[in-house]
Amino acid sequence: MKNLISIIIDTQSLIDFFKKAPSWGTSDKPYKADSFCTVDAPNLLWRGGRILTLEPSSSYEIELLSKSIKTDVKHLKEDCAEVIFTAITDDLVTIEDWKNIFILDNKDCYTYDKFRNELTIKQELGKALMVQTAPDYSPKFNLQYAIYFEIKETGKIGVIDPYIGNTSSEPDEK
């Protein structure tokens, strides 16, 4: 199943909020844009309002849009669009663990950092940023995903980094 996730960033409000802090909006200190965006994906399952739940054998096309007609957004890298997934666990996550979540057929389309428990999925610019879940989707941990972007007119950098809930939210035993 193919699903579209549109992330609409209120770039003007983001710029206005950080305008008195010029050190923000850099690669060292990107704008935190989660409070300045809406996510339009009505056909997807959400927990807690903003925590995405993925399904097996599904494709997720992610697009970045600007709410403002004066300022536009683009993916940060010049040659590709990317999404960085971080495993929320204290355990070491192997590439096999990642392959139980995502289809990773082409080694040129992802990088894996075992020390940071991160997986970066890349796509050529001009193509939709597409993430595909494995048929035997079996996550053992929750995820955070990050998409870095640039506001074209200002050159300022921002990041959206919400969560994916993959494990049950059982209350802790006392």
C-alpha atoms as a PDB file:
ATOM      1  CA  MET A   1       0.000   0.000   0.000  1.00  0.00           C
ATOM      2  CA  LYS A   2       1.301   3.477  -0.901  1.00  0.00           C
ATOM      3  CA  ASN A   3       0.812   6.301   1.604  1.00  0.00           C
ATOM      4  CA  LEU A   4       1.516  10.007   1.190  1.00  0.00           C
ATOM      5  CA  ILE A   5       2.847  12.015   4.132  1.00  0.00           C
ATOM      6  CA  SER A   6       2.833  15.770   3.502  1.00  0.00           C
ATOM      7  CA  ILE A   7       4.792  17.827   6.022  1.00  0.00           C
ATOM      8  CA  ILE A   8       3.694  21.455   5.727  1.00  0.00           C
ATOM      9  CA  ILE A   9       6.107  23.877   7.395  1.00  0.00           C
ATOM     10  CA  ASP A  10       4.978  27.342   8.477  1.00  0.00           C
ATOM     11  CA  THR A  11       8.277  28.860   7.376  1.00  0.00           C
ATOM     12  CA  GLN A  12       7.330  32.480   8.054  1.00  0.00           C
ATOM     13  CA  SER A  13       6.342  31.745  11.672  1.00  0.00           C
ATOM     14  CA  LEU A  14       9.521  29.706  12.071  1.00  0.00           C
ATOM     15  CA  ILE A  15      11.673  32.591  10.793  1.00  0.00           C
ATOM     16  CA  ASP A  16       9.811  35.116  12.962  1.00  0.00           C
ATOM     17  CA  PHE A  17      10.195  32.976  16.096  1.00  0.00           C
ATOM     18  CA  PHE A  18      13.987  32.662  15.731  1.00  0.00           C
ATOM     19  CA  LYS A  19      14.714  36.127  14.259  1.00  0.00           C
ATOM     20  CA  LYS A  20      16.329  37.446  17.467  1.00  0.00           C
ATOM     21  CA  ALA A  21      18.684  34.450  17.620  1.00  0.00           C
ATOM     22  CA  PRO A  22      20.823  34.543  14.449  1.00  0.00           C
ATOM     23  CA  SER A  23      23.003  31.634  15.618  1.00  0.00           C
ATOM     24  CA  TRP A  24      19.969  29.359  15.128  1.00  0.00           C
ATOM     25  CA  GLY A  25      19.193  28.000  11.675  1.00  0.00           C
ATOM     26  CA  THR A  26      22.724  26.707  11.089  1.00  0.00           C
ATOM     27  CA  SER A  27      23.970  23.163  10.654  1.00  0.00           C
ATOM     28  CA  ASP A  28      25.209  23.224  14.266  1.00  0.00           C
ATOM     29  CA  LYS A  29      21.927  24.581  15.621  1.00  0.00           C
ATOM     30  CA  PRO A  30      19.054  23.981  13.157  1.00  0.00           C
ATOM     31  CA  TYR A  31      15.611  25.438  13.727  1.00  0.00           C
ATOM     32  CA  LYS A  32      13.462  22.904  15.602  1.00  0.00           C
ATOM     33  CA  ALA A  33      10.420  22.927  13.332  1.00  0.00           C
ATOM     34  CA  ASP A  34       8.112  20.363  14.959  1.00  0.00           C
ATOM     35  CA  SER A  35       5.951  23.100  16.517  1.00  0.00           C
ATOM     36  CA  PHE A  36       5.790  24.946  13.199  1.00  0.00           C
ATOM     37  CA  CYS A  37       4.497  22.193  10.963  1.00  0.00           C
ATOM     38  CA  THR A  38       1.449  20.100  10.325  1.00  0.00           C
ATOM     39  CA  VAL A  39       1.479  16.576   9.014  1.00  0.00           C
ATOM     40  CA  ASP A  40      -1.192  15.667   6.501  1.00  0.00           C
ATOM     41  CA  ALA A  41      -1.592  11.912   6.218  1.00  0.00           C
ATOM     42  CA  PRO A  42      -5.231  11.113   6.945  1.00  0.00           C
ATOM     43  CA  ASN A  43      -5.032   7.460   5.880  1.00  0.00           C
ATOM     44  CA  LEU A  44      -2.318   6.567   8.381  1.00  0.00           C
ATOM     45  CA  LEU A  45      -2.584   5.367  11.947  1.00  0.00           C
ATOM     46  CA  TRP A  46      -1.335   7.829  14.564  1.00  0.00           C
ATOM     47  CA  ARG A  47      -0.846   7.436  18.304  1.00  0.00           C
ATOM     48  CA  GLY A  48      -0.918  10.401  20.647  1.00  0.00           C
ATOM     49  CA  GLY A  49      -1.652  12.758  17.776  1.00  0.00           C
ATOM     50  CA  ARG A  50       1.831  12.855  16.191  1.00  0.00           C
ATOM     51  CA  ILE A  51       3.374   9.391  16.619  1.00  0.00           C
ATOM     52  CA  LEU A  52       3.194   7.463  13.356  1.00  0.00           C
ATOM     53  CA  THR A  53       2.561   3.716  13.278  1.00  0.00           C
ATOM     54  CA  LEU A  54       3.963   1.880  10.257  1.00  0.00           C
ATOM     55  CA  GLU A  55       2.373  -1.137   8.569  1.00  0.00           C
ATOM     56  CA  PRO A  56       4.083  -4.146   6.894  1.00  0.00           C
ATOM     57  CA  SER A  57       4.589  -4.133   3.107  1.00  0.00           C
ATOM     58  CA  SER A  58       3.785  -0.444   2.786  1.00  0.00           C
ATOM     59  CA  SER A  59       5.376   2.490   0.987  1.00  0.00           C
ATOM     60  CA  TYR A  60       5.535   5.930   2.532  1.00  0.00           C
ATOM     61  CA  GLU A  61       6.155   8.889   0.246  1.00  0.00           C
ATOM     62  CA  ILE A  62       7.274  11.935   2.233  1.00  0.00           C
ATOM     63  CA  GLU A  63       7.019  15.432   0.809  1.00  0.00           C
ATOM     64  CA  LEU A  64       8.087  18.753   2.320  1.00  0.00           C
ATOM     65  CA  LEU A  65       5.933  21.790   1.624  1.00  0.00           C
ATOM     66  CA  SER A  66       5.939  25.411   2.769  1.00  0.00           C
ATOM     67  CA  LYS A  67       2.787  27.057   4.091  1.00  0.00           C
ATOM     68  CA  SER A  68       4.099  30.472   3.069  1.00  0.00           C
ATOM     69  CA  ILE A  69       3.983  31.773  -0.491  1.00  0.00           C
ATOM     70  CA  LYS A  70       7.044  33.959   0.251  1.00  0.00           C
ATOM     71  CA  THR A  71       9.397  31.254   1.465  1.00  0.00           C
ATOM     72  CA  ASP A  72       9.905  27.756   0.141  1.00  0.00           C
ATOM     73  CA  VAL A  73      11.706  24.715   1.534  1.00  0.00           C
ATOM     74  CA  LYS A  74      14.054  22.200  -0.030  1.00  0.00           C
ATOM     75  CA  HIS A  75      15.955  19.165   1.189  1.00  0.00           C
ATOM     76  CA  LEU A  76      19.235  20.137   2.784  1.00  0.00           C
ATOM     77  CA  LYS A  77      21.578  18.140   0.567  1.00  0.00           C
ATOM     78  CA  GLU A  78      22.128  19.317  -2.994  1.00  0.00           C
ATOM     79  CA  ASP A  79      22.227  15.845  -4.538  1.00  0.00           C
ATOM     80  CA  CYS A  80      19.699  13.845  -2.518  1.00  0.00           C
ATOM     81  CA  ALA A  81      16.794  13.858  -0.125  1.00  0.00           C
ATOM     82  CA  GLU A  82      17.246  11.867   3.054  1.00  0.00           C
ATOM     83  CA  VAL A  83      15.507  10.767   6.201  1.00  0.00           C
ATOM     84  CA  ILE A  84      17.507   9.695   9.258  1.00  0.00           C
ATOM     85  CA  PHE A  85      16.003   7.021  11.511  1.00  0.00           C
ATOM     86  CA  THR A  86      17.295   6.591  15.056  1.00  0.00           C
ATOM     87  CA  ALA A  87      16.423   3.520  17.109  1.00  0.00           C
ATOM     88  CA  ILE A  88      15.126   4.352  20.580  1.00  0.00           C
ATOM     89  CA  THR A  89      16.844   1.578  22.482  1.00  0.00           C
ATOM     90  CA  ASP A  90      19.926   1.037  24.608  1.00  0.00           C
ATOM     91  CA  ASP A  91      20.713  -2.141  22.669  1.00  0.00           C
ATOM     92  CA  LEU A  92      22.991  -2.229  19.640  1.00  0.00           C
ATOM     93  CA  VAL A  93      20.892  -2.307  16.468  1.00  0.00           C
ATOM     94  CA  THR A  94      22.275  -4.418  13.618  1.00  0.00           C
ATOM     95  CA  ILE A  95      21.681  -3.976   9.900  1.00  0.00           C
ATOM     96  CA  GLU A  96      19.584  -7.160  10.080  1.00  0.00           C
ATOM     97  CA  ASP A  97      17.337  -5.438  12.656  1.00  0.00           C
ATOM     98  CA  TRP A  98      16.879  -2.533  10.236  1.00  0.00           C
ATOM     99  CA  LYS A  99      16.102  -4.954   7.391  1.00  0.00           C
ATOM    100  CA  ASN A 100      13.263  -6.358   9.525  1.00  0.00           C
ATOM    101  CA  ILE A 101      11.722  -2.882   9.368  1.00  0.00           C
ATOM    102  CA  PHE A 102      12.655  -1.421   5.968  1.00  0.00           C
ATOM    103  CA  ILE A 103      13.399  -2.784   2.506  1.00  0.00           C
ATOM    104  CA  LEU A 104      17.089  -2.046   1.970  1.00  0.00           C
ATOM    105  CA  ASP A 105      17.905  -3.605  -1.405  1.00  0.00           C
ATOM    106  CA  ASN A 106      20.279  -0.988  -2.793  1.00  0.00           C
ATOM    107  CA  LYS A 107      23.353  -0.274  -0.641  1.00  0.00           C
ATOM    108  CA  ASP A 108      23.806   3.080  -2.425  1.00  0.00           C
ATOM    109  CA  CYS A 109      20.450   4.255  -1.030  1.00  0.00           C
ATOM    110  CA  TYR A 110      21.227   3.947   2.669  1.00  0.00           C
ATOM    111  CA  THR A 111      23.956   4.311   5.261  1.00  0.00           C
ATOM    112  CA  TYR A 112      24.093   2.591   8.612  1.00  0.00           C
ATOM    113  CA  ASP A 113      25.835   3.896  11.730  1.00  0.00           C
ATOM    114  CA  LYS A 114      25.952   1.135  14.339  1.00  0.00           C
ATOM    115  CA  PHE A 115      27.513   3.405  16.963  1.00  0.00           C
ATOM    116  CA  ARG A 116      24.615   5.876  16.820  1.00  0.00           C
ATOM    117  CA  ASN A 117      21.899   3.273  16.056  1.00  0.00           C
ATOM    118  CA  GLU A 118      21.036   5.294  12.940  1.00  0.00           C
ATOM    119  CA  LEU A 119      19.906   4.405   9.453  1.00  0.00           C
ATOM    120  CA  THR A 120      19.822   7.073   6.739  1.00  0.00           C
ATOM    121  CA  ILE A 121      17.693   6.392   3.665  1.00  0.00           C
ATOM    122  CA  LYS A 122      18.547   8.531   0.624  1.00  0.00           C
ATOM    123  CA  GLN A 123      16.802   9.276  -2.682  1.00  0.00           C
ATOM    124  CA  GLU A 124      17.927  11.226  -5.722  1.00  0.00           C
ATOM    125  CA  LEU A 125      16.577  14.757  -5.822  1.00  0.00           C
ATOM    126  CA  GLY A 126      13.604  15.055  -8.129  1.00  0.00           C
ATOM    127  CA  LYS A 127      12.228  11.749  -6.911  1.00  0.00           C
ATOM    128  CA  ALA A 128       9.861  11.410  -3.997  1.00  0.00           C
ATOM    129  CA  LEU A 129      11.438  10.501  -0.684  1.00  0.00           C
ATOM    130  CA  MET A 130      10.136   6.951  -0.428  1.00  0.00           C
ATOM    131  CA  VAL A 131      10.456   4.570   2.510  1.00  0.00           C
ATOM    132  CA  GLN A 132       9.225   0.969   2.229  1.00  0.00           C
ATOM    133  CA  THR A 133       8.516  -1.349   5.134  1.00  0.00           C
ATOM    134  CA  ALA A 134       9.477  -4.995   4.988  1.00  0.00           C
ATOM    135  CA  PRO A 135       6.825  -7.692   4.396  1.00  0.00           C
ATOM    136  CA  ASP A 136       7.770  -9.366   7.679  1.00  0.00           C
ATOM    137  CA  TYR A 137       7.852  -6.031   9.485  1.00  0.00           C
ATOM    138  CA  SER A 138       8.852  -6.821  13.061  1.00  0.00           C
ATOM    139  CA  PRO A 139      10.232  -3.825  14.959  1.00  0.00           C
ATOM    140  CA  LYS A 140      11.611  -4.355  18.441  1.00  0.00           C
ATOM    141  CA  PHE A 141      11.980  -0.659  19.261  1.00  0.00           C
ATOM    142  CA  ASN A 142      10.430   2.737  18.609  1.00  0.00           C
ATOM    143  CA  LEU A 143      12.028   5.179  16.179  1.00  0.00           C
ATOM    144  CA  GLN A 144      12.669   8.850  15.769  1.00  0.00           C
ATOM    145  CA  TYR A 145      13.025  10.167  12.247  1.00  0.00           C
ATOM    146  CA  ALA A 146      14.655  13.414  11.184  1.00  0.00           C
ATOM    147  CA  ILE A 147      14.346  15.347   7.954  1.00  0.00           C
ATOM    148  CA  TYR A 148      16.650  18.326   7.557  1.00  0.00           C
ATOM    149  CA  PHE A 149      15.613  21.119   5.222  1.00  0.00           C
ATOM    150  CA  GLU A 150      16.699  24.546   4.058  1.00  0.00           C
ATOM    151  CA  ILE A 151      14.503  27.617   3.732  1.00  0.00           C
ATOM    152  CA  LYS A 152      15.470  28.664   0.203  1.00  0.00           C
ATOM    153  CA  GLU A 153      15.172  32.437   0.577  1.00  0.00           C
ATOM    154  CA  THR A 154      17.175  32.687   3.814  1.00  0.00           C
ATOM    155  CA  GLY A 155      19.556  29.730   3.643  1.00  0.00           C
ATOM    156  CA  LYS A 156      18.515  28.850   7.200  1.00  0.00           C
ATOM    157  CA  ILE A 157      18.412  25.164   8.175  1.00  0.00           C
ATOM    158  CA  GLY A 158      15.650  23.402  10.071  1.00  0.00           C
ATOM    159  CA  VAL A 159      14.813  19.907  11.229  1.00  0.00           C
ATOM    160  CA  ILE A 160      11.613  17.969  11.765  1.00  0.00           C
ATOM    161  CA  ASP A 161      12.148  15.012  14.076  1.00  0.00           C
ATOM    162  CA  PRO A 162       8.962  13.267  15.208  1.00  0.00           C
ATOM    163  CA  TYR A 163       8.510   9.659  16.326  1.00  0.00           C
ATOM    164  CA  ILE A 164       7.334   6.298  15.020  1.00  0.00           C
ATOM    165  CA  GLY A 165       5.723   4.038  17.604  1.00  0.00           C
ATOM    166  CA  ASN A 166       6.582   0.450  16.817  1.00  0.00           C
ATOM    167  CA  THR A 167       6.242  -1.237  20.163  1.00  0.00           C
ATOM    168  CA  SER A 168       3.283  -1.458  22.468  1.00  0.00           C
ATOM    169  CA  SER A 169       2.974   1.209  25.125  1.00  0.00           C
ATOM    170  CA  GLU A 170       2.584  -1.139  28.071  1.00  0.00           C
ATOM    171  CA  PRO A 171       2.705   0.629  31.422  1.00  0.00           C
ATOM    172  CA  ASP A 172       5.808  -0.092  33.489  1.00  0.00           C
ATOM    173  CA  GLU A 173       5.349  -2.793  36.096  1.00  0.00           C
ATOM    174  CA  LYS A 174       5.743  -1.662  39.679  1.00  0.00           C
END
